[in-house]
Amino acid sequence: MVARLVIAAPSSGAGKTTVATGLMAAFAGRGLAVSPHKVGPDYIDPGYHALATGRPGRNLDAYMCGTGLIAPLFEHGARGCDLAVVEGVMGLYDGAADQGELASTAQVSKLLKAPVVLVVDASSQSRSVAALVHGFASWDPEVRIGGVILNKVATDRHEHLLREALGESGVPVLGVLRRAPAVATPSRHLGLVPVAERQAQAVEAVAAQAEQVLQGCDLDALLALARSAPPLHAEAWDPVGAVRTRAGGSGVPTLPRASSGGSTVAARNDGSQPRVAVAGGAAFTFSYAEHAELLTAAGAEVVTFDPLRDEELPEGTRGLVIGGGFPEMYGAELSANEPLRKAVAALAASGAPVAAECAGLLYLARSLDGTPMCGVLDADARMSERLTLGYRDAVAVSDSSLAAAGARMRGHEFHRTVIEPGAGANAAWGLRQPERRVEGFVQQGVHASYVHTHWAGAPEAAVRFVEHCANGPVA
């Protein structure tokens, strides 16, 4: 059994990421094997978690993967660890819009049978903190709030007032943290700046967060609380098993298999593994660890490349995955790498499978803010003042290397860019909420869209993609 804690807050901005990352690093510094997790579709926080623990940061998203996969995915990530720390999303009870508790931190805490530590921004309150904590602790009796960490406390006097008030709440104070500029992580238009863009500074920030937690939190009490979690009795998710069953037990509708036939584990026609190149580096940092695991389980050889530095695709590339990130921050550098842009365009023109999400969509466009990109798509992208954010219930409009027409998949949009036109002659997805629209592009082997997906919830996407790679052209 893995000891576990969920780090939650009444709202965004209270300091969840700082506290969760600091706890991960502090416990890892004690010699514990710590498994890092994040509720929801966030890609950036898990990068800091990985830095703190030395293990991949993994997401637990009940909307995209289904509630039935939360405990199995947790067990998969936490296998062999002494402690798991799960950072929540938004406020404790906030989840998918108009879906009740679905995908909320509270729901995930219940699915994991994990005690919750509430991080409260105490900077503008004293006795009222007790009413706030009492309200959160009593709202859902199935959610066990085992303690509170007070953040941004000003003075010893302020701390005394807060502790005195909370003494009547029945919820113990497990930590008090003062304001500390050294622990701050810079933000921009989509949240924190990713680790890959500020490696040295990120290491320093995580070290400062660990030190702050060591000085201000009762680690022994927090560990005892984590160890009080009961057994889960959940079988760990397994990518090979998910590929073999082509469903994964998520409860979310999954994709029909590719029409090419063949065995579950795909291979090239000559018997070797099809090589799938996955974009990485500072411009393309958004990915789920399970995607590479599923591609490997489906029979692919997964290799990474950096569009900022590499002038060629990996030799023998038969499929290309370009996930999310911040190409808008590196437009000039991406454009300057003309040899790679031409290689990507040539691969796409050959009909090889290309799966591009959000940043990948922008990279495949003709231009981004007027700067030439790969030109695979007859579309131009630009920055926008408007934030597009939210879960999406998507239906495949066109047959593609990821989905058969009519297949459903759940995803998430998060961007401050627009692409014109927003959909090609063959659109990728029809979205049913918050408004009905089609978006994205399907042409030859290319599937490009703003919608981020989590393939653990629909492993058929990985299987189908690898099958198309196995039967397609090679770079």
Protein backbone atom coordinates (compact mmCIF):
# COMPACT_ATOMS: atom_id res chain seq x y z
CA MET A 1 0.00 0.00 0.00
CA VAL A 2 1.30 3.45 -0.90
CA ALA A 3 0.90 6.21 1.68
CA ARG A 4 -0.75 9.20 0.01
CA LEU A 5 -1.87 12.79 0.45
CA VAL A 6 -3.95 15.12 -1.69
CA ILE A 7 -2.89 18.78 -1.56
CA ALA A 8 -5.93 20.97 -2.22
CA ALA A 9 -7.05 24.57 -1.68
CA PRO A 10 -10.25 26.62 -1.51
CA SER A 11 -9.38 28.26 -4.85
CA SER A 12 -6.66 28.73 -7.40
CA GLY A 13 -3.75 30.92 -6.36
CA ALA A 14 -3.53 29.71 -2.76
CA GLY A 15 -0.13 28.08 -3.26
CA LYS A 16 -0.95 24.42 -4.02
CA THR A 17 1.89 23.96 -6.48
CA THR A 18 4.47 25.54 -4.19
CA VAL A 19 3.39 23.46 -1.21
CA ALA A 20 2.93 20.20 -3.13
CA THR A 21 6.28 20.53 -4.91
CA GLY A 22 8.01 21.53 -1.69
CA LEU A 23 6.56 18.52 0.12
CA MET A 24 7.61 16.20 -2.68
CA ALA A 25 11.17 17.52 -2.60
CA ALA A 26 11.35 17.54 1.19
CA PHE A 27 10.20 13.94 1.52
CA ALA A 28 12.48 12.87 -1.33
CA GLY A 29 15.30 14.57 0.54
CA ARG A 30 14.54 12.32 3.48
CA GLY A 31 15.24 9.32 1.29
CA LEU A 32 11.63 8.39 0.50
CA ALA A 33 10.62 7.31 -2.99
CA VAL A 34 7.92 9.88 -3.78
CA SER A 35 5.38 9.48 -6.58
CA PRO A 36 4.12 12.83 -7.97
CA HIS A 37 0.61 13.28 -9.36
CA LYS A 38 -1.56 16.15 -10.57
CA VAL A 39 -5.35 16.26 -10.78
CA GLY A 40 -6.66 17.43 -14.14
CA PRO A 41 -5.12 18.23 -17.53
CA ASP A 42 -2.20 20.43 -16.37
CA TYR A 43 1.12 19.74 -18.15
CA ILE A 44 3.36 22.32 -16.47
CA ASP A 45 3.07 21.51 -12.75
CA PRO A 46 4.09 17.87 -13.33
CA GLY A 47 7.39 19.13 -14.73
CA TYR A 48 8.19 20.72 -11.37
CA HIS A 49 6.98 17.59 -9.60
CA ALA A 50 9.37 15.49 -11.68
CA LEU A 51 12.22 17.83 -10.78
CA ALA A 52 11.38 17.44 -7.09
CA THR A 53 11.12 13.65 -7.09
CA GLY A 54 13.15 12.30 -10.00
CA ARG A 55 10.07 10.44 -11.27
CA PRO A 56 7.63 11.30 -14.10
CA GLY A 57 4.84 13.63 -13.03
CA ARG A 58 1.54 11.93 -13.86
CA ASN A 59 -1.97 13.32 -14.30
CA LEU A 60 -5.18 11.93 -12.87
CA ASP A 61 -8.04 13.21 -15.02
CA ALA A 62 -11.45 11.70 -14.34
CA TYR A 63 -13.07 13.53 -17.27
CA MET A 64 -10.69 12.41 -20.00
CA CYS A 65 -9.83 8.97 -18.62
CA GLY A 66 -13.00 8.05 -16.70
CA THR A 67 -13.43 7.61 -12.96
CA GLY A 68 -12.68 3.90 -13.20
CA LEU A 69 -9.09 4.57 -14.27
CA ILE A 70 -8.10 7.01 -11.51
CA ALA A 71 -7.03 4.40 -8.95
CA PRO A 72 -5.38 2.10 -11.54
CA LEU A 73 -3.40 5.00 -13.08
CA PHE A 74 -2.39 6.10 -9.59
CA GLU A 75 -1.18 2.60 -8.73
CA HIS A 76 0.73 2.44 -12.02
CA GLY A 77 2.59 5.66 -11.29
CA ALA A 78 3.14 4.96 -7.60
CA ARG A 79 4.37 1.38 -7.98
CA GLY A 80 7.39 0.83 -5.73
CA CYS A 81 7.09 4.18 -3.95
CA ASP A 82 6.89 4.96 -0.24
CA LEU A 83 4.64 8.00 -0.58
CA ALA A 84 2.47 9.67 -3.20
CA VAL A 85 1.65 13.38 -3.21
CA VAL A 86 -1.28 14.44 -5.39
CA GLU A 87 -1.63 18.11 -6.22
CA GLY A 88 -5.23 19.17 -6.79
CA VAL A 89 -6.71 21.48 -9.40
CA MET A 90 -8.51 24.81 -8.88
CA GLY A 91 -10.61 24.78 -5.69
CA LEU A 92 -11.20 21.50 -3.88
CA TYR A 93 -14.76 21.05 -5.16
CA ASP A 94 -14.30 22.60 -8.63
CA GLY A 95 -14.50 20.20 -11.58
CA ALA A 96 -15.75 19.97 -15.14
CA ALA A 97 -18.30 22.67 -15.92
CA ASP A 98 -21.92 21.58 -15.46
CA GLN A 99 -20.76 18.08 -14.47
CA GLY A 100 -21.15 18.19 -10.70
CA GLU A 101 -18.09 16.84 -8.91
CA LEU A 102 -16.66 15.14 -12.02
CA ALA A 103 -12.89 15.68 -12.36
CA SER A 104 -12.68 17.69 -9.14
CA THR A 105 -9.95 17.25 -6.56
CA ALA A 106 -12.62 16.16 -4.11
CA GLN A 107 -13.77 13.36 -6.40
CA VAL A 108 -10.21 12.16 -7.00
CA SER A 109 -9.50 12.17 -3.25
CA LYS A 110 -12.51 9.91 -2.74
CA LEU A 111 -11.53 7.60 -5.58
CA LEU A 112 -8.07 7.30 -4.02
CA LYS A 113 -9.37 7.10 -0.43
CA ALA A 114 -6.75 9.72 0.32
CA PRO A 115 -6.71 12.32 3.12
CA VAL A 116 -6.72 15.94 2.00
CA VAL A 117 -4.46 18.72 3.24
CA LEU A 118 -6.05 22.12 2.60
CA VAL A 119 -3.66 24.94 1.67
CA VAL A 120 -5.19 28.26 2.70
CA ASP A 121 -3.98 31.68 1.62
CA ALA A 122 -4.24 33.39 5.00
CA SER A 123 -2.84 36.73 3.86
CA SER A 124 -6.09 38.68 4.29
CA GLN A 125 -7.87 36.96 7.16
CA SER A 126 -7.58 35.88 10.77
CA ARG A 127 -10.54 34.33 12.63
CA SER A 128 -12.51 33.87 9.42
CA VAL A 129 -10.09 31.13 8.45
CA ALA A 130 -11.88 28.80 10.88
CA ALA A 131 -15.23 29.33 9.15
CA LEU A 132 -13.62 28.74 5.77
CA VAL A 133 -11.94 25.50 6.83
CA HIS A 134 -15.05 24.30 8.66
CA GLY A 135 -17.14 24.87 5.54
CA PHE A 136 -14.79 22.93 3.30
CA ALA A 137 -14.41 20.11 5.84
CA SER A 138 -18.15 19.67 6.32
CA TRP A 139 -19.36 20.18 2.73
CA ASP A 140 -18.87 16.55 1.69
CA PRO A 141 -18.57 14.04 4.54
CA GLU A 142 -16.86 11.57 2.20
CA VAL A 143 -13.94 13.98 1.73
CA ARG A 144 -11.54 13.63 4.63
CA ILE A 145 -9.68 16.87 5.33
CA GLY A 146 -6.91 15.74 7.64
CA GLY A 147 -5.16 19.06 8.16
CA VAL A 148 -4.47 22.55 6.95
CA ILE A 149 -1.33 24.38 5.85
CA LEU A 150 -1.52 28.13 6.26
CA ASN A 151 0.27 29.98 3.47
CA LYS A 152 1.44 33.61 3.16
CA VAL A 153 1.28 34.24 6.90
CA ALA A 154 2.62 37.71 7.71
CA THR A 155 3.88 37.71 11.31
CA ASP A 156 4.06 35.68 14.51
CA ARG A 157 1.02 37.61 15.75
CA HIS A 158 -0.89 36.72 12.59
CA GLU A 159 0.04 33.05 13.03
CA HIS A 160 -1.16 33.12 16.66
CA LEU A 161 -4.57 34.49 15.63
CA LEU A 162 -4.95 31.89 12.90
CA ARG A 163 -3.97 28.98 15.13
CA GLU A 164 -6.27 30.19 17.89
CA ALA A 165 -9.23 30.33 15.50
CA LEU A 166 -8.51 26.94 13.97
CA GLY A 167 -8.21 25.38 17.40
CA GLU A 168 -12.01 25.40 17.49
CA SER A 169 -12.43 23.84 14.03
CA GLY A 170 -11.17 20.35 14.80
CA VAL A 171 -8.82 20.46 11.81
CA PRO A 172 -5.15 20.43 12.85
CA VAL A 173 -2.63 22.94 11.55
CA LEU A 174 0.14 20.92 9.88
CA GLY A 175 2.17 23.83 8.59
CA VAL A 176 2.59 27.59 8.57
CA LEU A 177 4.47 29.23 5.70
CA ARG A 178 5.62 32.83 5.54
CA ARG A 179 5.78 34.88 2.38
CA ALA A 180 8.98 33.88 0.54
CA PRO A 181 9.88 35.42 -2.85
CA ALA A 182 12.56 32.76 -3.45
CA VAL A 183 9.92 30.04 -3.85
CA ALA A 184 7.94 31.92 -6.49
CA THR A 185 7.73 30.55 -10.01
CA PRO A 186 7.18 33.03 -12.87
CA SER A 187 3.94 32.86 -14.82
CA ARG A 188 2.77 34.03 -18.24
CA HIS A 189 -0.28 33.69 -20.48
CA LEU A 190 -0.97 29.97 -19.83
CA GLY A 191 0.34 29.57 -16.28
CA LEU A 192 3.80 28.78 -14.92
CA VAL A 193 6.85 28.87 -17.15
CA PRO A 194 7.80 25.21 -17.81
CA VAL A 195 10.89 23.66 -16.25
CA ALA A 196 12.45 23.02 -19.67
CA GLU A 197 12.62 26.77 -20.29
CA ARG A 198 14.32 27.66 -16.99
CA GLN A 199 16.09 24.55 -15.79
CA ALA A 200 18.69 26.18 -13.50
CA GLN A 201 16.24 28.62 -11.97
CA ALA A 202 13.65 25.86 -11.56
CA VAL A 203 16.13 23.73 -9.63
CA GLU A 204 16.80 26.67 -7.30
CA ALA A 205 13.09 27.36 -6.84
CA VAL A 206 12.30 23.73 -5.99
CA ALA A 207 15.16 23.66 -3.49
CA ALA A 208 13.77 26.84 -1.89
CA GLN A 209 10.29 25.33 -1.77
CA ALA A 210 11.66 22.23 -0.05
CA GLU A 211 13.50 24.33 2.51
CA GLN A 212 10.40 26.43 3.20
CA VAL A 213 8.35 23.27 3.78
CA LEU A 214 11.06 21.78 6.01
CA GLN A 215 11.05 24.91 8.15
CA GLY A 216 7.31 25.46 8.27
CA CYS A 217 5.56 22.07 8.09
CA ASP A 218 5.32 19.08 10.42
CA LEU A 219 6.61 16.41 8.05
CA ASP A 220 6.20 13.64 10.61
CA ALA A 221 2.53 14.49 11.11
CA LEU A 222 1.98 14.77 7.35
CA LEU A 223 3.61 11.39 6.77
CA ALA A 224 1.52 9.82 9.53
CA LEU A 225 -1.61 11.27 7.90
CA ALA A 226 -0.54 9.85 4.52
CA ARG A 227 0.03 6.44 6.06
CA SER A 228 -3.47 6.47 7.55
CA ALA A 229 -4.99 6.05 4.08
CA PRO A 230 -6.67 2.64 3.74
CA PRO A 231 -5.79 0.07 1.06
CA LEU A 232 -7.09 0.88 -2.43
CA HIS A 233 -7.60 -2.68 -3.74
CA ALA A 234 -7.07 -1.45 -7.30
CA GLU A 235 -5.06 -3.24 -9.94
CA ALA A 236 -2.38 -1.03 -11.48
CA TRP A 237 -3.05 0.18 -15.00
CA ASP A 238 -0.85 -1.57 -17.54
CA PRO A 239 -0.25 -0.16 -21.03
CA VAL A 240 0.24 -3.61 -22.54
CA GLY A 241 -3.03 -4.79 -21.02
CA ALA A 242 -4.78 -1.63 -22.20
CA VAL A 243 -3.55 -2.21 -25.74
CA ARG A 244 -4.60 -5.85 -25.71
CA THR A 245 -8.12 -5.14 -24.50
CA ARG A 246 -8.42 -2.00 -26.67
CA ALA A 247 -10.59 -0.45 -23.97
CA GLY A 248 -8.61 -0.08 -20.76
CA GLY A 249 -11.67 -0.28 -18.48
CA SER A 250 -12.10 3.50 -18.41
CA GLY A 251 -15.85 3.66 -18.91
CA VAL A 252 -15.28 6.25 -21.66
CA PRO A 253 -16.22 5.26 -25.25
CA THR A 254 -13.10 4.21 -27.13
CA LEU A 255 -12.11 4.23 -30.75
CA PRO A 256 -12.71 1.52 -33.33
CA ARG A 257 -9.54 -0.21 -34.50
CA ALA A 258 -7.82 0.77 -37.70
CA SER A 259 -9.19 -0.91 -40.78
CA SER A 260 -5.76 -2.28 -41.73
CA GLY A 261 -6.26 -5.46 -39.67
CA GLY A 262 -3.38 -7.38 -38.17
CA SER A 263 -2.46 -8.24 -34.62
CA THR A 264 -2.85 -6.01 -31.57
CA VAL A 265 0.85 -5.25 -31.42
CA ALA A 266 1.68 -3.66 -34.74
CA ALA A 267 4.96 -4.06 -36.56
CA ARG A 268 6.48 -2.88 -39.79
CA ASN A 269 5.89 -5.06 -42.84
CA ASP A 270 9.50 -6.24 -42.59
CA GLY A 271 8.96 -7.36 -38.99
CA SER A 272 10.72 -4.49 -37.18
CA GLN A 273 9.14 -1.88 -34.95
CA PRO A 274 7.81 1.26 -36.64
CA ARG A 275 9.74 4.27 -35.35
CA VAL A 276 7.56 7.10 -33.96
CA ALA A 277 9.28 10.46 -33.44
CA VAL A 278 7.92 12.59 -30.59
CA ALA A 279 8.66 16.32 -30.45
CA GLY A 280 10.26 17.61 -27.27
CA GLY A 281 12.57 20.38 -26.13
CA ALA A 282 11.61 23.75 -24.71
CA ALA A 283 8.94 24.51 -27.34
CA PHE A 284 7.01 21.24 -26.98
CA THR A 285 6.82 20.30 -23.30
CA PHE A 286 3.20 19.16 -23.04
CA SER A 287 2.85 15.38 -23.01
CA TYR A 288 1.47 12.60 -20.86
CA ALA A 289 3.87 9.81 -19.90
CA GLU A 290 1.20 7.25 -20.74
CA HIS A 291 1.23 8.24 -24.43
CA ALA A 292 4.78 7.01 -24.98
CA GLU A 293 4.04 3.92 -22.88
CA LEU A 294 1.00 3.10 -25.00
CA LEU A 295 2.84 3.68 -28.27
CA THR A 296 5.58 1.32 -27.06
CA ALA A 297 3.03 -1.26 -25.92
CA ALA A 298 1.37 -1.07 -29.33
CA GLY A 299 4.64 -2.01 -30.97
CA ALA A 300 6.35 1.30 -31.77
CA GLU A 301 9.90 2.39 -31.10
CA VAL A 302 9.51 5.85 -29.55
CA VAL A 303 12.31 8.38 -30.08
CA THR A 304 12.35 12.07 -29.17
CA PHE A 305 13.70 15.03 -31.11
CA ASP A 306 13.93 18.77 -30.50
CA PRO A 307 12.51 21.00 -33.28
CA LEU A 308 14.61 23.87 -31.94
CA ARG A 309 17.90 22.01 -32.41
CA ASP A 310 17.57 18.97 -34.66
CA GLU A 311 17.73 19.65 -38.39
CA GLU A 312 16.48 16.19 -39.34
CA LEU A 313 13.82 13.81 -38.14
CA PRO A 314 15.19 10.65 -36.52
CA GLU A 315 16.30 8.23 -39.20
CA GLY A 316 13.59 5.79 -40.22
CA THR A 317 10.71 7.86 -38.79
CA ARG A 318 7.36 6.35 -39.80
CA GLY A 319 5.09 8.48 -37.63
CA LEU A 320 5.27 11.85 -35.91
CA VAL A 321 3.68 13.09 -32.67
CA ILE A 322 3.84 16.81 -31.93
CA GLY A 323 2.16 17.66 -28.65
CA GLY A 324 1.48 20.92 -26.87
CA GLY A 325 3.78 23.62 -25.61
CA PHE A 326 4.77 27.18 -26.40
CA PRO A 327 5.82 27.55 -30.04
CA GLU A 328 4.67 31.18 -29.82
CA MET A 329 7.64 31.83 -27.50
CA TYR A 330 10.08 30.28 -29.97
CA GLY A 331 8.59 31.25 -33.31
CA ALA A 332 11.77 32.77 -34.73
CA GLU A 333 13.93 29.80 -33.70
CA LEU A 334 11.47 27.23 -35.03
CA SER A 335 11.19 29.10 -38.30
CA ALA A 336 14.97 29.42 -38.59
CA ASN A 337 15.29 25.62 -38.52
CA GLU A 338 14.25 25.39 -42.15
CA PRO A 339 15.74 21.94 -42.79
CA LEU A 340 13.51 20.37 -40.15
CA ARG A 341 10.44 22.28 -41.30
CA LYS A 342 10.98 20.87 -44.79
CA ALA A 343 11.52 17.37 -43.39
CA VAL A 344 8.25 17.55 -41.45
CA ALA A 345 6.41 18.83 -44.52
CA ALA A 346 7.87 16.06 -46.65
CA LEU A 347 6.89 13.38 -44.14
CA ALA A 348 3.34 14.71 -43.99
CA ALA A 349 3.14 14.90 -47.79
CA SER A 350 4.21 11.25 -48.01
CA GLY A 351 1.04 10.25 -46.14
CA ALA A 352 2.82 9.14 -42.95
CA PRO A 353 0.76 9.46 -39.74
CA VAL A 354 1.20 12.79 -37.96
CA ALA A 355 -0.66 13.53 -34.71
CA ALA A 356 -0.48 17.19 -33.70
CA GLU A 357 -2.15 18.81 -30.71
CA CYS A 358 -2.37 22.56 -30.03
CA ALA A 359 1.29 23.62 -30.30
CA GLY A 360 1.74 20.90 -32.89
CA LEU A 361 -1.18 22.36 -34.85
CA LEU A 362 0.51 25.77 -34.87
CA TYR A 363 3.82 24.26 -35.96
CA LEU A 364 2.16 22.56 -38.92
CA ALA A 365 0.46 25.80 -40.01
CA ARG A 366 1.67 28.02 -42.83
CA SER A 367 2.68 30.75 -40.36
CA LEU A 368 2.56 31.73 -36.68
CA ASP A 369 2.32 35.47 -36.03
CA GLY A 370 3.58 36.03 -39.57
CA THR A 371 6.63 33.78 -39.14
CA PRO A 372 6.86 30.80 -41.54
CA MET A 373 6.17 27.39 -40.01
CA CYS A 374 6.02 23.96 -41.70
CA GLY A 375 3.28 24.81 -44.20
CA VAL A 376 1.61 21.43 -43.93
CA LEU A 377 -1.76 23.10 -43.35
CA ASP A 378 -3.25 25.91 -45.44
CA ALA A 379 -3.87 27.96 -42.32
CA ASP A 380 -2.26 30.78 -40.38
CA ALA A 381 -2.05 31.13 -36.60
CA ARG A 382 -1.64 34.13 -34.35
CA MET A 383 -1.69 35.10 -30.71
CA SER A 384 -5.00 36.28 -29.27
CA GLU A 385 -6.17 38.15 -26.19
CA ARG A 386 -8.91 35.56 -25.69
CA LEU A 387 -8.26 32.49 -23.56
CA THR A 388 -9.90 29.29 -24.80
CA LEU A 389 -10.17 26.87 -21.91
CA GLY A 390 -12.24 23.85 -20.96
CA TYR A 391 -13.03 20.19 -21.37
CA ARG A 392 -14.38 19.01 -24.70
CA ASP A 393 -16.62 16.12 -25.71
CA ALA A 394 -15.45 15.42 -29.23
CA VAL A 395 -16.69 13.29 -32.11
CA ALA A 396 -14.35 12.41 -34.97
CA VAL A 397 -15.66 14.04 -38.16
CA SER A 398 -13.26 12.31 -40.56
CA ASP A 399 -11.40 9.03 -40.68
CA SER A 400 -7.81 9.61 -39.56
CA SER A 401 -4.71 7.94 -38.19
CA LEU A 402 -6.14 8.49 -34.68
CA ALA A 403 -9.86 7.86 -35.01
CA ALA A 404 -12.54 6.49 -37.26
CA ALA A 405 -15.33 8.87 -38.22
CA GLY A 406 -18.01 8.85 -35.54
CA ALA A 407 -15.68 7.81 -32.72
CA ARG A 408 -15.92 9.78 -29.48
CA MET A 409 -13.09 11.05 -27.36
CA ARG A 410 -12.89 13.43 -24.45
CA GLY A 411 -10.27 16.16 -24.43
CA HIS A 412 -9.28 19.61 -23.24
CA GLU A 413 -8.52 22.96 -24.87
CA PHE A 414 -6.15 25.56 -23.37
CA HIS A 415 -4.68 28.26 -25.60
CA ARG A 416 -4.44 31.96 -26.36
CA THR A 417 -4.01 31.58 -30.09
CA VAL A 418 -6.37 31.30 -33.03
CA ILE A 419 -5.89 29.60 -36.37
CA GLU A 420 -7.65 30.69 -39.55
CA PRO A 421 -9.46 28.83 -40.89
CA GLY A 422 -10.34 26.93 -37.74
CA ALA A 423 -11.05 23.73 -39.64
CA GLY A 424 -9.99 22.16 -42.89
CA ALA A 425 -12.09 20.65 -45.67
CA ASN A 426 -11.97 17.49 -43.56
CA ALA A 427 -12.29 18.56 -39.95
CA ALA A 428 -10.77 16.61 -37.08
CA TRP A 429 -13.43 16.94 -34.41
CA GLY A 430 -17.00 18.03 -33.93
CA LEU A 431 -17.28 19.58 -30.46
CA ARG A 432 -20.57 19.40 -28.59
CA GLN A 433 -19.86 21.84 -25.76
CA PRO A 434 -19.67 24.62 -24.72
CA GLU A 435 -20.83 25.44 -28.26
CA ARG A 436 -21.28 23.22 -31.28
CA ARG A 437 -18.50 23.64 -33.83
CA VAL A 438 -16.05 21.70 -35.94
CA GLU A 439 -12.33 22.23 -35.64
CA GLY A 440 -8.97 20.85 -36.69
CA PHE A 441 -7.60 19.28 -39.85
CA VAL A 442 -7.42 15.79 -41.32
CA GLN A 443 -5.48 15.41 -44.56
CA GLN A 444 -3.66 12.30 -45.73
CA GLY A 445 -2.10 10.92 -42.52
CA VAL A 446 -2.26 14.21 -40.60
CA HIS A 447 -4.56 14.74 -37.63
CA ALA A 448 -4.09 18.27 -36.26
CA SER A 449 -6.28 19.88 -33.62
CA TYR A 450 -6.36 22.26 -30.66
CA VAL A 451 -7.84 19.48 -28.50
CA HIS A 452 -5.47 17.76 -26.09
CA THR A 453 -6.37 14.12 -25.44
CA HIS A 454 -5.27 11.50 -22.92
CA TRP A 455 -4.83 8.15 -24.62
CA ALA A 456 -5.07 6.15 -21.40
CA GLY A 457 -8.79 6.90 -21.66
CA ALA A 458 -8.89 5.61 -25.25
CA PRO A 459 -5.88 3.36 -25.95
CA GLU A 460 -7.35 2.61 -29.37
CA ALA A 461 -5.86 5.94 -30.49
CA ALA A 462 -2.32 4.67 -29.87
CA VAL A 463 -3.07 1.26 -31.40
CA ARG A 464 -4.60 2.79 -34.51
CA PHE A 465 -1.75 5.28 -34.89
CA VAL A 466 0.93 2.57 -34.67
CA GLU A 467 -0.96 0.34 -37.11
CA HIS A 468 -1.01 3.19 -39.60
CA CYS A 469 2.71 3.75 -39.01
CA ALA A 470 3.42 0.08 -39.62
CA ASN A 471 1.66 0.17 -42.98
CA GLY A 472 2.75 3.61 -44.13
CA PRO A 473 5.81 5.22 -45.74
CA VAL A 474 9.13 5.77 -43.98
CA ALA A 475 11.17 8.99 -43.75
